[in-house]
PDB file of N, CA and C in Angstrom:
ATOM      1  N   MET A   1     107.584  80.096  73.275  1.00  0.00           N
ATOM      2  CA  MET A   1     105.798  80.054  73.857  1.00  0.00           C
ATOM      3  C   MET A   1     105.462  81.150  74.569  1.00  0.00           C
ATOM      4  N   ALA A   2     104.358  81.077  74.023  1.00  0.00           N
ATOM      5  CA  ALA A   2     103.201  82.107  74.439  1.00  0.00           C
ATOM      6  C   ALA A   2     102.652  82.451  75.448  1.00  0.00           C
ATOM      7  N   LYS A   3     102.612  83.461  75.694  1.00  0.00           N
ATOM      8  CA  LYS A   3     101.856  83.936  77.393  1.00  0.00           C
ATOM      9  C   LYS A   3     101.126  84.880  76.980  1.00  0.00           C
ATOM     10  N   TYR A   4      99.703  84.804  78.099  1.00  0.00           N
ATOM     11  CA  TYR A   4      98.725  85.497  77.503  1.00  0.00           C
ATOM     12  C   TYR A   4      98.508  86.701  78.742  1.00  0.00           C
ATOM     13  N   ILE A   5      98.309  87.606  78.419  1.00  0.00           N
ATOM     14  CA  ILE A   5      98.068  88.888  80.100  1.00  0.00           C
ATOM     15  C   ILE A   5      97.019  89.550  79.868  1.00  0.00           C
ATOM     16  N   ILE A   6      96.520  89.515  80.738  1.00  0.00           N
ATOM     17  CA  ILE A   6      95.148  90.535  81.122  1.00  0.00           C
ATOM     18  C   ILE A   6      95.377  91.923  82.080  1.00  0.00           C
ATOM     19  N   VAL A   7      95.641  93.242  81.707  1.00  0.00           N
ATOM     20  CA  VAL A   7      95.596  94.423  82.218  1.00  0.00           C
ATOM     21  C   VAL A   7      94.724  95.025  82.742  1.00  0.00           C
ATOM     22  N   SER A   8      94.040  95.034  83.774  1.00  0.00           N
ATOM     23  CA  SER A   8      92.947  95.758  84.552  1.00  0.00           C
ATOM     24  C   SER A   8      93.697  96.492  85.353  1.00  0.00           C
ATOM     25  N   ILE A   9      92.204  97.822  85.269  1.00  0.00           N
ATOM     26  CA  ILE A   9      92.739  98.834  85.699  1.00  0.00           C
ATOM     27  C   ILE A   9      90.964  99.453  86.943  1.00  0.00           C
ATOM     28  N   ASN A  10      91.625  99.653  88.223  1.00  0.00           N
ATOM     29  CA  ASN A  10      89.537 100.381  88.141  1.00  0.00           C
ATOM     30  C   ASN A  10      89.905 101.956  87.907  1.00  0.00           C
ATOM     31  N   PRO A  11      88.506 102.181  87.426  1.00  0.00           N
ATOM     32  CA  PRO A  11      88.537 103.461  86.786  1.00  0.00           C
ATOM     33  C   PRO A  11      88.842 104.630  87.411  1.00  0.00           C
ATOM     34  N   ASP A  12      88.407 104.608  88.889  1.00  0.00           N
ATOM     35  CA  ASP A  12      89.066 105.172  89.882  1.00  0.00           C
ATOM     36  C   ASP A  12      90.489 105.571  90.273  1.00  0.00           C
ATOM     37  N   ASP A  13      91.172 104.925  89.549  1.00  0.00           N
ATOM     38  CA  ASP A  13      92.998 104.751  89.303  1.00  0.00           C
ATOM     39  C   ASP A  13      93.380 104.942  88.410  1.00  0.00           C
ATOM     40  N   VAL A  14      92.862 105.547  87.615  1.00  0.00           N
ATOM     41  CA  VAL A  14      93.209 105.777  86.430  1.00  0.00           C
ATOM     42  C   VAL A  14      94.165 107.384  86.045  1.00  0.00           C
ATOM     43  N   PRO A  15      95.622 107.281  85.858  1.00  0.00           N
ATOM     44  CA  PRO A  15      95.911 108.210  86.244  1.00  0.00           C
ATOM     45  C   PRO A  15      95.617 109.698  85.325  1.00  0.00           C
ATOM     46  N   LYS A  16      95.528 110.850  85.916  1.00  0.00           N
ATOM     47  CA  LYS A  16      94.967 112.160  85.292  1.00  0.00           C
ATOM     48  C   LYS A  16      95.990 112.606  84.371  1.00  0.00           C
ATOM     49  N   LYS A  17      97.308 113.385  85.045  1.00  0.00           N
ATOM     50  CA  LYS A  17      98.495 113.784  84.783  1.00  0.00           C
ATOM     51  C   LYS A  17      99.518 113.219  84.926  1.00  0.00           C
ATOM     52  N   VAL A  18      99.616 112.268  83.875  1.00  0.00           N
ATOM     53  CA  VAL A  18     101.542 111.488  83.871  1.00  0.00           C
ATOM     54  C   VAL A  18     102.441 112.488  83.419  1.00  0.00           C
ATOM     55  N   PRO A  19     103.467 112.793  83.668  1.00  0.00           N
ATOM     56  CA  PRO A  19     104.509 113.731  82.934  1.00  0.00           C
ATOM     57  C   PRO A  19     105.346 112.470  82.046  1.00  0.00           C
ATOM     58  N   PRO A  20     106.170 112.989  81.338  1.00  0.00           N
ATOM     59  CA  PRO A  20     106.661 112.096  80.209  1.00  0.00           C
ATOM     60  C   PRO A  20     107.808 111.328  80.662  1.00  0.00           C
ATOM     61  N   ASP A  21     108.412 112.227  81.722  1.00  0.00           N
ATOM     62  CA  ASP A  21     109.610 111.440  82.573  1.00  0.00           C
ATOM     63  C   ASP A  21     109.068 110.523  83.612  1.00  0.00           C
ATOM     64  N   ALA A  22     107.647 110.142  84.139  1.00  0.00           N
ATOM     65  CA  ALA A  22     107.431 109.045  84.947  1.00  0.00           C
ATOM     66  C   ALA A  22     107.659 107.401  84.546  1.00  0.00           C
ATOM     67  N   LYS A  23     108.244 106.967  85.602  1.00  0.00           N
ATOM     68  CA  LYS A  23     108.837 105.757  85.443  1.00  0.00           C
ATOM     69  C   LYS A  23     107.449 104.669  85.963  1.00  0.00           C
ATOM     70  N   LEU A  24     107.438 103.776  85.340  1.00  0.00           N
ATOM     71  CA  LEU A  24     106.418 102.479  85.231  1.00  0.00           C
ATOM     72  C   LEU A  24     107.588 101.365  86.278  1.00  0.00           C
ATOM     73  N   LYS A  25     106.715 101.253  87.427  1.00  0.00           N
ATOM     74  CA  LYS A  25     107.153 100.191  88.160  1.00  0.00           C
ATOM     75  C   LYS A  25     106.171  98.991  88.354  1.00  0.00           C
ATOM     76  N   VAL A  26     107.048  97.683  88.459  1.00  0.00           N
ATOM     77  CA  VAL A  26     105.980  96.898  88.333  1.00  0.00           C
ATOM     78  C   VAL A  26     106.359  95.583  89.722  1.00  0.00           C
ATOM     79  N   HIS A  27     105.763  95.403  90.419  1.00  0.00           N
ATOM     80  CA  HIS A  27     106.139  94.329  91.170  1.00  0.00           C
ATOM     81  C   HIS A  27     105.525  93.332  91.295  1.00  0.00           C
ATOM     82  N   TRP A  28     105.996  92.074  91.819  1.00  0.00           N
ATOM     83  CA  TRP A  28     105.390  90.931  91.663  1.00  0.00           C
ATOM     84  C   TRP A  28     104.926  90.690  92.960  1.00  0.00           C
ATOM     85  N   VAL A  29     103.858  89.777  92.604  1.00  0.00           N
ATOM     86  CA  VAL A  29     102.476  89.706  93.588  1.00  0.00           C
ATOM     87  C   VAL A  29     102.152  87.918  94.213  1.00  0.00           C
ATOM     88  N   THR A  30     102.612  87.701  93.090  1.00  0.00           N
ATOM     89  CA  THR A  30     102.441  86.281  93.259  1.00  0.00           C
ATOM     90  C   THR A  30     102.715  85.361  92.320  1.00  0.00           C
ATOM     91  N   GLU A  31     102.344  84.259  91.967  1.00  0.00           N
ATOM     92  CA  GLU A  31     103.116  83.434  91.091  1.00  0.00           C
ATOM     93  C   GLU A  31     102.832  84.156  89.834  1.00  0.00           C
ATOM     94  N   ASN A  32     101.653  84.300  89.258  1.00  0.00           N
ATOM     95  CA  ASN A  32     100.921  84.983  88.324  1.00  0.00           C
ATOM     96  C   ASN A  32     100.229  86.210  88.470  1.00  0.00           C
ATOM     97  N   ILE A  33     100.363  86.972  89.205  1.00  0.00           N
ATOM     98  CA  ILE A  33     100.227  88.430  89.332  1.00  0.00           C
ATOM     99  C   ILE A  33     100.834  89.815  89.291  1.00  0.00           C
ATOM    100  N   TYR A  34     101.059  90.578  88.650  1.00  0.00           N
ATOM    101  CA  TYR A  34     101.795  91.371  88.972  1.00  0.00           C
ATOM    102  C   TYR A  34     101.203  93.285  89.438  1.00  0.00           C
ATOM    103  N   ASN A  35     101.363  94.124  89.855  1.00  0.00           N
ATOM    104  CA  ASN A  35     101.325  95.455  90.369  1.00  0.00           C
ATOM    105  C   ASN A  35     101.765  96.240  89.367  1.00  0.00           C
ATOM    106  N   GLY A  36     101.322  97.195  88.555  1.00  0.00           N
ATOM    107  CA  GLY A  36     102.223  98.439  88.589  1.00  0.00           C
ATOM    108  C   GLY A  36     101.777  99.972  88.738  1.00  0.00           C
ATOM    109  N   ASN A  37     102.619 100.593  89.087  1.00  0.00           N
ATOM    110  CA  ASN A  37     102.005 102.057  89.015  1.00  0.00           C
ATOM    111  C   ASN A  37     103.212 102.871  88.163  1.00  0.00           C
ATOM    112  N   PHE A  38     102.746 104.297  88.178  1.00  0.00           N
ATOM    113  CA  PHE A  38     103.731 105.652  87.936  1.00  0.00           C
ATOM    114  C   PHE A  38     104.547 105.881  88.782  1.00  0.00           C
ATOM    115  N   PHE A  39     105.655 106.148  88.810  1.00  0.00           N
ATOM    116  CA  PHE A  39     106.266 107.013  89.925  1.00  0.00           C
ATOM    117  C   PHE A  39     106.642 108.192  89.013  1.00  0.00           C
ATOM    118  N   PHE A  40     106.340 109.459  90.062  1.00  0.00           N
ATOM    119  CA  PHE A  40     107.426 110.725  89.373  1.00  0.00           C
ATOM    120  C   PHE A  40     107.363 111.514  90.906  1.00  0.00           C
ATOM    121  N   LYS A  41     108.230 112.616  90.337  1.00  0.00           N
ATOM    122  CA  LYS A  41     108.361 113.654  91.645  1.00  0.00           C
ATOM    123  C   LYS A  41     107.843 115.024  90.698  1.00  0.00           C
ATOM    124  N   GLU A  42     107.102 115.507  91.628  1.00  0.00           N
ATOM    125  CA  GLU A  42     106.539 116.676  91.189  1.00  0.00           C
ATOM    126  C   GLU A  42     106.930 118.057  92.729  1.00  0.00           C
ATOM    127  N   GLY A  43     106.901 119.011  92.480  1.00  0.00           N
ATOM    128  CA  GLY A  43     106.798 119.901  93.181  1.00  0.00           C
ATOM    129  C   GLY A  43     107.579 121.329  92.672  1.00  0.00           C
ATOM    130  N   SER A  44     107.984 122.362  93.664  1.00  0.00           N
ATOM    131  CA  SER A  44     108.472 123.322  93.032  1.00  0.00           C
ATOM    132  C   SER A  44     109.800 123.720  94.102  1.00  0.00           C
ATOM    133  N   LEU A  45     111.018 124.211  93.539  1.00  0.00           N
ATOM    134  CA  LEU A  45     112.343 124.801  93.922  1.00  0.00           C
ATOM    135  C   LEU A  45     111.973 125.443  95.585  1.00  0.00           C
ATOM    136  N   ASN A  46     111.261 126.153  95.575  1.00  0.00           N
ATOM    137  CA  ASN A  46     110.625 127.010  97.325  1.00  0.00           C
ATOM    138  C   ASN A  46     110.088 125.986  98.233  1.00  0.00           C
ATOM    139  N   GLU A  47     109.048 124.611  97.673  1.00  0.00           N
ATOM    140  CA  GLU A  47     108.262 123.922  98.508  1.00  0.00           C
ATOM    141  C   GLU A  47     109.489 122.485  98.649  1.00  0.00           C
ATOM    142  N   GLY A  48     110.024 122.140  97.371  1.00  0.00           N
ATOM    143  CA  GLY A  48     110.870 120.718  97.637  1.00  0.00           C
ATOM    144  C   GLY A  48     110.008 119.914  96.757  1.00  0.00           C
ATOM    145  N   SER A  49     110.834 118.845  96.720  1.00  0.00           N
ATOM    146  CA  SER A  49     110.105 117.999  95.700  1.00  0.00           C
ATOM    147  C   SER A  49     109.704 116.614  96.051  1.00  0.00           C
ATOM    148  N   LYS A  50     108.650 116.054  95.802  1.00  0.00           N
ATOM    149  CA  LYS A  50     108.087 115.232  96.410  1.00  0.00           C
ATOM    150  C   LYS A  50     107.913 113.835  95.489  1.00  0.00           C
ATOM    151  N   THR A  51     107.822 112.652  95.767  1.00  0.00           N
ATOM    152  CA  THR A  51     107.636 111.213  94.846  1.00  0.00           C
ATOM    153  C   THR A  51     106.355 111.494  94.730  1.00  0.00           C
ATOM    154  N   VAL A  52     105.264 110.903  93.522  1.00  0.00           N
ATOM    155  CA  VAL A  52     103.826 110.624  93.790  1.00  0.00           C
ATOM    156  C   VAL A  52     104.085 109.649  92.787  1.00  0.00           C
ATOM    157  N   ARG A  53     103.252 108.683  93.506  1.00  0.00           N
ATOM    158  CA  ARG A  53     102.631 107.159  92.950  1.00  0.00           C
ATOM    159  C   ARG A  53     101.019 107.686  92.103  1.00  0.00           C
ATOM    160  N   SER A  54     100.931 107.413  91.001  1.00  0.00           N
ATOM    161  CA  SER A  54      99.440 107.187  90.228  1.00  0.00           C
ATOM    162  C   SER A  54      99.718 106.082  89.587  1.00  0.00           C
ATOM    163  N   GLY A  55      98.246 105.379  89.686  1.00  0.00           N
ATOM    164  CA  GLY A  55      97.853 104.513  88.530  1.00  0.00           C
ATOM    165  C   GLY A  55      97.988 103.314  89.304  1.00  0.00           C
ATOM    166  N   ILE A  56      97.108 102.424  89.771  1.00  0.00           N
ATOM    167  CA  ILE A  56      97.459 101.182  89.857  1.00  0.00           C
ATOM    168  C   ILE A  56      97.004 100.006  89.305  1.00  0.00           C
ATOM    169  N   PHE A  57      97.628  98.848  88.339  1.00  0.00           N
ATOM    170  CA  PHE A  57      97.706  98.343  87.200  1.00  0.00           C
ATOM    171  C   PHE A  57      97.760  97.110  87.543  1.00  0.00           C
ATOM    172  N   THR A  58      96.580  95.833  87.248  1.00  0.00           N
ATOM    173  CA  THR A  58      96.875  94.804  87.830  1.00  0.00           C
ATOM    174  C   THR A  58      97.055  93.796  86.554  1.00  0.00           C
ATOM    175  N   CYS A  59      98.534  92.979  86.792  1.00  0.00           N
ATOM    176  CA  CYS A  59      98.552  92.071  85.229  1.00  0.00           C
ATOM    177  C   CYS A  59      98.507  90.880  86.042  1.00  0.00           C
ATOM    178  N   SER A  60      98.014  90.213  84.994  1.00  0.00           N
ATOM    179  CA  SER A  60      97.152  88.463  85.581  1.00  0.00           C
ATOM    180  C   SER A  60      98.160  87.645  84.027  1.00  0.00           C
ATOM    181  N   LEU A  61      98.581  86.859  84.302  1.00  0.00           N
ATOM    182  CA  LEU A  61      99.528  86.204  83.644  1.00  0.00           C
ATOM    183  C   LEU A  61      99.101  85.077  83.592  1.00  0.00           C
ATOM    184  N   TYR A  62      98.663  84.407  82.197  1.00  0.00           N
ATOM    185  CA  TYR A  62      97.968  82.739  81.660  1.00  0.00           C
ATOM    186  C   TYR A  62      99.050  82.442  80.864  1.00  0.00           C
ATOM    187  N   LYS A  63      99.442  80.915  81.324  1.00  0.00           N
ATOM    188  CA  LYS A  63     100.611  80.120  80.662  1.00  0.00           C
ATOM    189  C   LYS A  63      99.875  79.708  79.539  1.00  0.00           C
ATOM    190  N   ASN A  64      98.598  79.485  79.215  1.00  0.00           N
ATOM    191  CA  ASN A  64      97.752  79.113  78.037  1.00  0.00           C
ATOM    192  C   ASN A  64      96.787  79.474  77.633  1.00  0.00           C
ATOM    193  N   GLU A  65      96.277  78.979  76.610  1.00  0.00           N
ATOM    194  CA  GLU A  65      95.045  79.981  75.909  1.00  0.00           C
ATOM    195  C   GLU A  65      94.026  79.625  76.832  1.00  0.00           C
ATOM    196  N   LYS A  66      93.741  78.420  76.857  1.00  0.00           N
ATOM    197  CA  LYS A  66      92.326  77.390  77.203  1.00  0.00           C
ATOM    198  C   LYS A  66      92.333  78.544  79.066  1.00  0.00           C
ATOM    199  N   ASP A  67      93.277  78.608  79.596  1.00  0.00           N
ATOM    200  CA  ASP A  67      92.993  79.708  80.909  1.00  0.00           C
ATOM    201  C   ASP A  67      92.449  80.780  80.828  1.00  0.00           C
ATOM    202  N   PHE A  68      93.750  81.737  79.672  1.00  0.00           N
ATOM    203  CA  PHE A  68      92.751  82.729  79.214  1.00  0.00           C
ATOM    204  C   PHE A  68      91.523  82.756  78.766  1.00  0.00           C
ATOM    205  N   LEU A  69      91.224  82.075  77.778  1.00  0.00           N
ATOM    206  CA  LEU A  69      90.114  82.352  77.454  1.00  0.00           C
ATOM    207  C   LEU A  69      88.873  82.213  78.560  1.00  0.00           C
ATOM    208  N   GLU A  70      88.875  81.046  79.337  1.00  0.00           N
ATOM    209  CA  GLU A  70      88.126  80.658  80.235  1.00  0.00           C
ATOM    210  C   GLU A  70      87.745  82.435  81.493  1.00  0.00           C
ATOM    211  N   GLU A  71      88.886  82.794  81.544  1.00  0.00           N
ATOM    212  CA  GLU A  71      88.855  84.060  82.603  1.00  0.00           C
ATOM    213  C   GLU A  71      88.031  85.036  81.752  1.00  0.00           C
ATOM    214  N   VAL A  72      88.876  85.215  80.461  1.00  0.00           N
ATOM    215  CA  VAL A  72      87.945  86.457  79.268  1.00  0.00           C
ATOM    216  C   VAL A  72      86.378  86.406  79.628  1.00  0.00           C
ATOM    217  N   GLU A  73      85.539  84.960  79.766  1.00  0.00           N
ATOM    218  CA  GLU A  73      84.340  84.459  79.369  1.00  0.00           C
ATOM    219  C   GLU A  73      83.818  84.620  80.856  1.00  0.00           C
ATOM    220  N   ARG A  74      84.670  84.476  81.763  1.00  0.00           N
ATOM    221  CA  ARG A  74      83.956  84.727  83.435  1.00  0.00           C
ATOM    222  C   ARG A  74      83.800  86.248  83.892  1.00  0.00           C
ATOM    223  N   ARG A  75      84.856  87.200  82.821  1.00  0.00           N
ATOM    224  CA  ARG A  75      84.528  88.463  83.103  1.00  0.00           C
ATOM    225  C   ARG A  75      83.620  88.972  82.687  1.00  0.00           C
ATOM    226  N   LYS A  76      83.251  88.560  81.078  1.00  0.00           N
ATOM    227  CA  LYS A  76      82.350  88.364  80.114  1.00  0.00           C
ATOM    228  C   LYS A  76      80.974  88.667  80.932  1.00  0.00           C
ATOM    229  N   LYS A  77      80.758  87.792  81.754  1.00  0.00           N
ATOM    230  CA  LYS A  77      79.706  87.120  82.545  1.00  0.00           C
ATOM    231  C   LYS A  77      79.349  88.329  83.903  1.00  0.00           C
ATOM    232  N   VAL A  78      80.273  88.535  84.329  1.00  0.00           N
ATOM    233  CA  VAL A  78      80.200  89.393  85.743  1.00  0.00           C
ATOM    234  C   VAL A  78      80.047  90.562  85.086  1.00  0.00           C
TER     235      VAL A  78
END
């Protein structure tokens, strides 16, 4: 069974410096919408480390091609 996904991100939320050891965590919001963020630690030995969240990705899941294409056409008009 094929699934169709649209991943969107606000240009202001594009992560600038994400280290290679960052983890992408995805959270379920509704039946067909998920949010994802990069989590990583930064800081120094003197100051201590803190967990940083960067980037907010929204993923929309569509179960059939018809719904997917309708959403793509709607986004083109906007």
